[in-house]
C-alpha atoms as a PDB file:
ATOM      1  CA  UNK A   1      -9.654   9.671 -30.118  1.00  0.00           C
ATOM      2  CA  UNK A   2      -7.283  11.661 -27.918  1.00  0.00           C
ATOM      3  CA  UNK A   3      -8.120  13.295 -24.594  1.00  0.00           C
ATOM      4  CA  UNK A   4      -8.950  16.772 -25.971  1.00  0.00           C
ATOM      5  CA  UNK A   5     -11.176  15.326 -28.687  1.00  0.00           C
ATOM      6  CA  UNK A   6     -13.092  13.360 -26.043  1.00  0.00           C
ATOM      7  CA  UNK A   7     -13.579  16.480 -23.937  1.00  0.00           C
ATOM      8  CA  UNK A   8     -14.800  18.345 -27.024  1.00  0.00           C
ATOM      9  CA  UNK A   9     -17.129  15.481 -27.970  1.00  0.00           C
ATOM     10  CA  UNK A  10     -18.660  15.330 -24.481  1.00  0.00           C
ATOM     11  CA  UNK A  11     -19.003  19.083 -24.178  1.00  0.00           C
ATOM     12  CA  UNK A  12     -19.924  19.784 -27.832  1.00  0.00           C
ATOM     13  CA  UNK A  13     -23.121  21.686 -26.919  1.00  0.00           C
ATOM     14  CA  UNK A  14     -21.111  24.058 -24.705  1.00  0.00           C
ATOM     15  CA  UNK A  15     -18.491  24.648 -27.391  1.00  0.00           C
ATOM     16  CA  UNK A  16     -21.121  25.175 -30.090  1.00  0.00           C
ATOM     17  CA  UNK A  17     -22.941  27.651 -27.880  1.00  0.00           C
ATOM     18  CA  UNK A  18     -19.680  29.537 -27.423  1.00  0.00           C
ATOM     19  CA  UNK A  19     -18.802  29.495 -31.115  1.00  0.00           C
ATOM     20  CA  UNK A  20     -22.278  30.391 -32.379  1.00  0.00           C
ATOM     21  CA  UNK A  21     -23.267  32.904 -29.753  1.00  0.00           C
ATOM     22  CA  UNK A  22     -24.377  36.290 -30.948  1.00  0.00           C
ATOM     23  CA  UNK A  23     -21.870  39.106 -30.580  1.00  0.00           C
ATOM     24  CA  UNK A  24     -22.254  40.958 -27.338  1.00  0.00           C
ATOM     25  CA  UNK A  25     -22.075  44.689 -26.924  1.00  0.00           C
ATOM     26  CA  UNK A  26     -19.351  44.489 -24.319  1.00  0.00           C
ATOM     27  CA  UNK A  27     -16.460  42.203 -23.557  1.00  0.00           C
ATOM     28  CA  UNK A  28     -17.667  41.906 -19.957  1.00  0.00           C
ATOM     29  CA  UNK A  29     -21.074  40.506 -20.949  1.00  0.00           C
ATOM     30  CA  UNK A  30     -19.565  37.898 -23.267  1.00  0.00           C
ATOM     31  CA  UNK A  31     -17.043  36.697 -20.683  1.00  0.00           C
ATOM     32  CA  UNK A  32     -19.813  36.286 -18.105  1.00  0.00           C
ATOM     33  CA  UNK A  33     -21.298  33.564 -20.320  1.00  0.00           C
ATOM     34  CA  UNK A  34     -18.167  31.953 -21.715  1.00  0.00           C
ATOM     35  CA  UNK A  35     -15.925  31.718 -18.619  1.00  0.00           C
ATOM     36  CA  UNK A  36     -18.345  29.671 -16.464  1.00  0.00           C
ATOM     37  CA  UNK A  37     -18.757  27.172 -19.313  1.00  0.00           C
ATOM     38  CA  UNK A  38     -14.989  26.840 -19.792  1.00  0.00           C
ATOM     39  CA  UNK A  39     -14.474  26.493 -16.035  1.00  0.00           C
ATOM     40  CA  UNK A  40     -17.017  23.664 -15.856  1.00  0.00           C
ATOM     41  CA  UNK A  41     -15.137  21.806 -18.606  1.00  0.00           C
ATOM     42  CA  UNK A  42     -11.814  22.255 -16.775  1.00  0.00           C
ATOM     43  CA  UNK A  43     -13.340  21.148 -13.448  1.00  0.00           C
ATOM     44  CA  UNK A  44     -14.647  17.924 -15.000  1.00  0.00           C
ATOM     45  CA  UNK A  45     -11.185  17.166 -16.386  1.00  0.00           C
ATOM     46  CA  UNK A  46      -9.505  17.905 -13.040  1.00  0.00           C
ATOM     47  CA  UNK A  47     -11.954  15.662 -11.167  1.00  0.00           C
ATOM     48  CA  UNK A  48     -10.943  12.672 -13.286  1.00  0.00           C
ATOM     49  CA  UNK A  49      -7.260  13.523 -12.988  1.00  0.00           C
ATOM     50  CA  UNK A  50      -7.625  13.485  -9.175  1.00  0.00           C
ATOM     51  CA  UNK A  51      -9.361  10.101  -9.290  1.00  0.00           C
ATOM     52  CA  UNK A  52      -6.620   8.714 -11.545  1.00  0.00           C
ATOM     53  CA  UNK A  53      -3.871   9.872  -9.160  1.00  0.00           C
ATOM     54  CA  UNK A  54      -5.712   8.343  -6.183  1.00  0.00           C
ATOM     55  CA  UNK A  55      -6.087   5.041  -8.029  1.00  0.00           C
ATOM     56  CA  UNK A  56      -2.364   4.932  -8.771  1.00  0.00           C
ATOM     57  CA  UNK A  57      -1.392   5.537  -5.133  1.00  0.00           C
ATOM     58  CA  UNK A  58      -4.105   3.449  -3.441  1.00  0.00           C
ATOM     59  CA  UNK A  59      -2.776  -0.070  -4.168  1.00  0.00           C
ATOM     60  CA  UNK A  60       0.646   0.636  -2.671  1.00  0.00           C
ATOM     61  CA  UNK A  61      -0.935   2.054   0.465  1.00  0.00           C
ATOM     62  CA  UNK A  62      -3.670  -0.519   0.853  1.00  0.00           C
ATOM     63  CA  UNK A  63      -1.562  -3.623   0.402  1.00  0.00           C
ATOM     64  CA  UNK A  64       0.599  -3.304   3.529  1.00  0.00           C
ATOM     65  CA  UNK A  65      -0.272  -6.155   5.883  1.00  0.00           C
ATOM     66  CA  UNK A  66      -0.171  -6.440   9.666  1.00  0.00           C
ATOM     67  CA  UNK A  67       1.023  -9.939  10.621  1.00  0.00           C
ATOM     68  CA  UNK A  68       0.111 -11.124  14.112  1.00  0.00           C
ATOM     69  CA  UNK A  69       3.159 -13.253  14.898  1.00  0.00           C
ATOM     70  CA  UNK A  70       1.965 -16.715  15.920  1.00  0.00           C
ATOM     71  CA  UNK A  71      -1.641 -15.767  15.111  1.00  0.00           C
ATOM     72  CA  UNK A  72      -3.830 -16.766  18.092  1.00  0.00           C
ATOM     73  CA  UNK A  73      -0.889 -18.232  20.033  1.00  0.00           C
ATOM     74  CA  UNK A  74       0.973 -14.925  20.008  1.00  0.00           C
ATOM     75  CA  UNK A  75       4.648 -14.656  20.948  1.00  0.00           C
ATOM     76  CA  UNK A  76       5.384 -17.552  23.282  1.00  0.00           C
ATOM     77  CA  UNK A  77       7.580 -20.590  23.893  1.00  0.00           C
ATOM     78  CA  UNK A  78       7.099 -24.082  22.399  1.00  0.00           C
ATOM     79  CA  UNK A  79       5.774 -22.807  19.091  1.00  0.00           C
ATOM     80  CA  UNK A  80       7.343 -23.256  15.646  1.00  0.00           C
ATOM     81  CA  UNK A  81       7.512 -19.734  14.213  1.00  0.00           C
ATOM     82  CA  UNK A  82       9.369 -20.913  11.108  1.00  0.00           C
ATOM     83  CA  UNK A  83       6.359 -23.084  10.200  1.00  0.00           C
ATOM     84  CA  UNK A  84       4.098 -20.105  10.870  1.00  0.00           C
ATOM     85  CA  UNK A  85       6.162 -17.858   8.538  1.00  0.00           C
ATOM     86  CA  UNK A  86       6.911 -20.299   5.707  1.00  0.00           C
ATOM     87  CA  UNK A  87       3.817 -19.586   3.554  1.00  0.00           C
ATOM     88  CA  UNK A  88       3.817 -15.812   4.075  1.00  0.00           C
ATOM     89  CA  UNK A  89       5.362 -13.155   1.830  1.00  0.00           C
ATOM     90  CA  UNK A  90       6.726 -10.315   3.926  1.00  0.00           C
ATOM     91  CA  UNK A  91       7.028  -7.047   2.021  1.00  0.00           C
ATOM     92  CA  UNK A  92       8.551  -3.651   2.805  1.00  0.00           C
ATOM     93  CA  UNK A  93       5.823  -1.682   4.609  1.00  0.00           C
ATOM     94  CA  UNK A  94       4.287  -4.714   6.335  1.00  0.00           C
ATOM     95  CA  UNK A  95       4.123  -4.761  10.137  1.00  0.00           C
ATOM     96  CA  UNK A  96       4.957  -7.599  12.523  1.00  0.00           C
ATOM     97  CA  UNK A  97       2.786  -7.504  15.656  1.00  0.00           C
ATOM     98  CA  UNK A  98       4.180  -9.392  18.654  1.00  0.00           C
ATOM     99  CA  UNK A  99       1.487 -10.050  21.292  1.00  0.00           C
ATOM    100  CA  UNK A 100       2.584 -11.428  24.673  1.00  0.00           C
ATOM    101  CA  UNK A 101       2.321 -10.829  28.395  1.00  0.00           C
ATOM    102  CA  UNK A 102       4.670  -7.955  29.196  1.00  0.00           C
ATOM    103  CA  UNK A 103       7.328  -8.937  31.701  1.00  0.00           C
ATOM    104  CA  UNK A 104       7.241 -12.632  30.755  1.00  0.00           C
ATOM    105  CA  UNK A 105       8.679 -12.157  27.254  1.00  0.00           C
ATOM    106  CA  UNK A 106      10.319  -9.549  25.043  1.00  0.00           C
ATOM    107  CA  UNK A 107      11.310  -9.144  21.386  1.00  0.00           C
ATOM    108  CA  UNK A 108      14.922  -8.503  20.413  1.00  0.00           C
ATOM    109  CA  UNK A 109      16.127  -7.699  16.890  1.00  0.00           C
ATOM    110  CA  UNK A 110      19.317  -9.644  16.255  1.00  0.00           C
ATOM    111  CA  UNK A 111      21.633 -10.701  13.424  1.00  0.00           C
ATOM    112  CA  UNK A 112      21.942 -14.186  11.920  1.00  0.00           C
ATOM    113  CA  UNK A 113      24.668 -15.512  14.200  1.00  0.00           C
ATOM    114  CA  UNK A 114      22.963 -14.230  17.383  1.00  0.00           C
ATOM    115  CA  UNK A 115      19.760 -15.847  16.156  1.00  0.00           C
ATOM    116  CA  UNK A 116      21.510 -19.182  15.584  1.00  0.00           C
ATOM    117  CA  UNK A 117      23.226 -19.065  19.005  1.00  0.00           C
ATOM    118  CA  UNK A 118      20.122 -17.697  20.838  1.00  0.00           C
ATOM    119  CA  UNK A 119      22.405 -15.022  22.249  1.00  0.00           C
ATOM    120  CA  UNK A 120      21.362 -11.369  21.763  1.00  0.00           C
ATOM    121  CA  UNK A 121      24.380  -9.044  21.545  1.00  0.00           C
ATOM    122  CA  UNK A 122      24.735  -6.070  23.896  1.00  0.00           C
ATOM    123  CA  UNK A 123      22.889  -3.012  22.631  1.00  0.00           C
ATOM    124  CA  UNK A 124      20.449  -4.979  20.451  1.00  0.00           C
ATOM    125  CA  UNK A 125      17.077  -3.295  19.941  1.00  0.00           C
ATOM    126  CA  UNK A 126      14.681  -4.641  22.576  1.00  0.00           C
ATOM    127  CA  UNK A 127      10.858  -4.343  22.699  1.00  0.00           C
ATOM    128  CA  UNK A 128       8.948  -4.984  25.920  1.00  0.00           C
ATOM    129  CA  UNK A 129       5.407  -3.543  25.619  1.00  0.00           C
ATOM    130  CA  UNK A 130       3.542  -6.838  25.108  1.00  0.00           C
ATOM    131  CA  UNK A 131       2.040  -5.431  21.897  1.00  0.00           C
ATOM    132  CA  UNK A 132       5.104  -4.561  19.848  1.00  0.00           C
ATOM    133  CA  UNK A 133       4.599  -3.374  16.269  1.00  0.00           C
ATOM    134  CA  UNK A 134       7.678  -3.548  14.086  1.00  0.00           C
ATOM    135  CA  UNK A 135       7.420  -2.071  10.585  1.00  0.00           C
ATOM    136  CA  UNK A 136       9.495  -3.852   7.958  1.00  0.00           C
ATOM    137  CA  UNK A 137      11.329  -0.883   6.424  1.00  0.00           C
ATOM    138  CA  UNK A 138      14.002  -2.620   4.356  1.00  0.00           C
ATOM    139  CA  UNK A 139      14.502  -5.760   2.320  1.00  0.00           C
ATOM    140  CA  UNK A 140      16.606  -8.701   3.463  1.00  0.00           C
ATOM    141  CA  UNK A 141      16.741 -11.241   6.265  1.00  0.00           C
ATOM    142  CA  UNK A 142      15.344 -10.248   9.667  1.00  0.00           C
ATOM    143  CA  UNK A 143      15.783 -12.129  12.939  1.00  0.00           C
ATOM    144  CA  UNK A 144      13.851 -11.799  16.213  1.00  0.00           C
ATOM    145  CA  UNK A 145      14.040 -13.721  19.479  1.00  0.00           C
ATOM    146  CA  UNK A 146      12.998 -13.604  23.116  1.00  0.00           C
ATOM    147  CA  UNK A 147      15.930 -12.894  25.435  1.00  0.00           C
ATOM    148  CA  UNK A 148      14.320 -14.378  28.563  1.00  0.00           C
ATOM    149  CA  UNK A 149      16.282 -17.329  29.884  1.00  0.00           C
ATOM    150  CA  UNK A 150      15.699 -20.506  27.852  1.00  0.00           C
ATOM    151  CA  UNK A 151      12.868 -19.063  25.729  1.00  0.00           C
ATOM    152  CA  UNK A 152      14.782 -18.847  22.438  1.00  0.00           C
ATOM    153  CA  UNK A 153      16.007 -22.450  22.807  1.00  0.00           C
ATOM    154  CA  UNK A 154      12.382 -23.621  23.184  1.00  0.00           C
ATOM    155  CA  UNK A 155      11.346 -22.040  19.876  1.00  0.00           C
ATOM    156  CA  UNK A 156      10.626 -18.400  20.677  1.00  0.00           C
ATOM    157  CA  UNK A 157      12.484 -17.006  17.701  1.00  0.00           C
ATOM    158  CA  UNK A 158      11.506 -15.883  14.215  1.00  0.00           C
ATOM    159  CA  UNK A 159      13.493 -15.540  11.000  1.00  0.00           C
ATOM    160  CA  UNK A 160      11.935 -13.963   7.892  1.00  0.00           C
ATOM    161  CA  UNK A 161      12.968 -12.574   4.517  1.00  0.00           C
ATOM    162  CA  UNK A 162      11.518  -9.197   3.500  1.00  0.00           C
ATOM    163  CA  UNK A 163      11.009  -8.515  -0.212  1.00  0.00           C
ATOM    164  CA  UNK A 164      10.608  -5.270  -2.106  1.00  0.00           C
ATOM    165  CA  UNK A 165       8.218  -6.432  -4.833  1.00  0.00           C
ATOM    166  CA  UNK A 166       6.030  -9.486  -5.180  1.00  0.00           C
ATOM    167  CA  UNK A 167       7.650 -12.347  -7.122  1.00  0.00           C
ATOM    168  CA  UNK A 168       5.839 -14.111  -9.948  1.00  0.00           C
ATOM    169  CA  UNK A 169       2.762 -15.754  -8.435  1.00  0.00           C
ATOM    170  CA  UNK A 170       2.659 -19.415  -7.561  1.00  0.00           C
ATOM    171  CA  UNK A 171      -0.571 -21.182  -8.592  1.00  0.00           C
ATOM    172  CA  UNK A 172      -2.014 -20.853  -5.080  1.00  0.00           C
ATOM    173  CA  UNK A 173      -0.765 -17.355  -4.209  1.00  0.00           C
ATOM    174  CA  UNK A 174      -3.221 -14.565  -3.434  1.00  0.00           C
ATOM    175  CA  UNK A 175      -3.586 -10.849  -4.203  1.00  0.00           C
ATOM    176  CA  UNK A 176       0.128 -10.056  -3.943  1.00  0.00           C
ATOM    177  CA  UNK A 177       0.786 -11.915  -7.190  1.00  0.00           C
ATOM    178  CA  UNK A 178      -0.700  -9.052  -9.247  1.00  0.00           C
ATOM    179  CA  UNK A 179       1.866  -7.020 -11.144  1.00  0.00           C
ATOM    180  CA  UNK A 180       1.065  -3.601  -9.722  1.00  0.00           C
ATOM    181  CA  UNK A 181       2.126  -1.205 -12.511  1.00  0.00           C
ATOM    182  CA  UNK A 182      -0.003  -2.975 -15.145  1.00  0.00           C
ATOM    183  CA  UNK A 183      -2.904  -3.231 -12.741  1.00  0.00           C
ATOM    184  CA  UNK A 184      -2.693   0.461 -11.882  1.00  0.00           C
ATOM    185  CA  UNK A 185      -2.628   1.496 -15.550  1.00  0.00           C
ATOM    186  CA  UNK A 186      -5.671  -0.667 -16.232  1.00  0.00           C
ATOM    187  CA  UNK A 187      -7.601   0.908 -13.322  1.00  0.00           C
ATOM    188  CA  UNK A 188      -6.659   4.458 -14.371  1.00  0.00           C
ATOM    189  CA  UNK A 189      -7.784   3.809 -17.945  1.00  0.00           C
ATOM    190  CA  UNK A 190     -11.021   2.212 -16.748  1.00  0.00           C
ATOM    191  CA  UNK A 191     -11.861   5.061 -14.353  1.00  0.00           C
ATOM    192  CA  UNK A 192     -11.031   7.661 -16.996  1.00  0.00           C
ATOM    193  CA  UNK A 193     -13.193   6.032 -19.677  1.00  0.00           C
ATOM    194  CA  UNK A 194     -16.067   5.445 -17.266  1.00  0.00           C
ATOM    195  CA  UNK A 195     -15.883   9.058 -16.116  1.00  0.00           C
ATOM    196  CA  UNK A 196     -15.982  10.375 -19.662  1.00  0.00           C
ATOM    197  CA  UNK A 197     -19.001   8.250 -20.511  1.00  0.00           C
ATOM    198  CA  UNK A 198     -20.871   9.366 -17.376  1.00  0.00           C
ATOM    199  CA  UNK A 199     -20.380  13.111 -17.946  1.00  0.00           C
END
């Protein structure tokens, strides 16, 4: 049963009333009865279209994650940030949050060789607020370190890989393993069918 047939089936009494109504003396009188009924049918259809569009967009918006770097330890020395990052999947749109005492540490975006040498190049992007939020806007490898003397060499550095789409799920992976387009189509179909049955 296609979409228009479903609308007709749900609103059959309205259509029958329109088709079997007695002729009116004037065009104005007949349109006063027919137009509100047609508008109510169109409004019901538009309501479900709006819900379907929201359902399609919601998963991509809702799945961005804020990662507190180092969790409760924050951004500090003598901590293994590679161990912290190894079981996480960083995606475009996620946010890294670096919490630390301003003045004692900083966060510098660097390239791979500067990361390896613990030597930030001149002009590298530097964050110093103590609550730095860095949105991951592009895929690829990302490197961060603290430029304060000796801090990078005592572990205050982070290297991650940012992905565009979730890979196939491992047996123990969480929500990100869902293949979004199929999931979205399922939700749209479910909402649409539920809405038709409720009306």
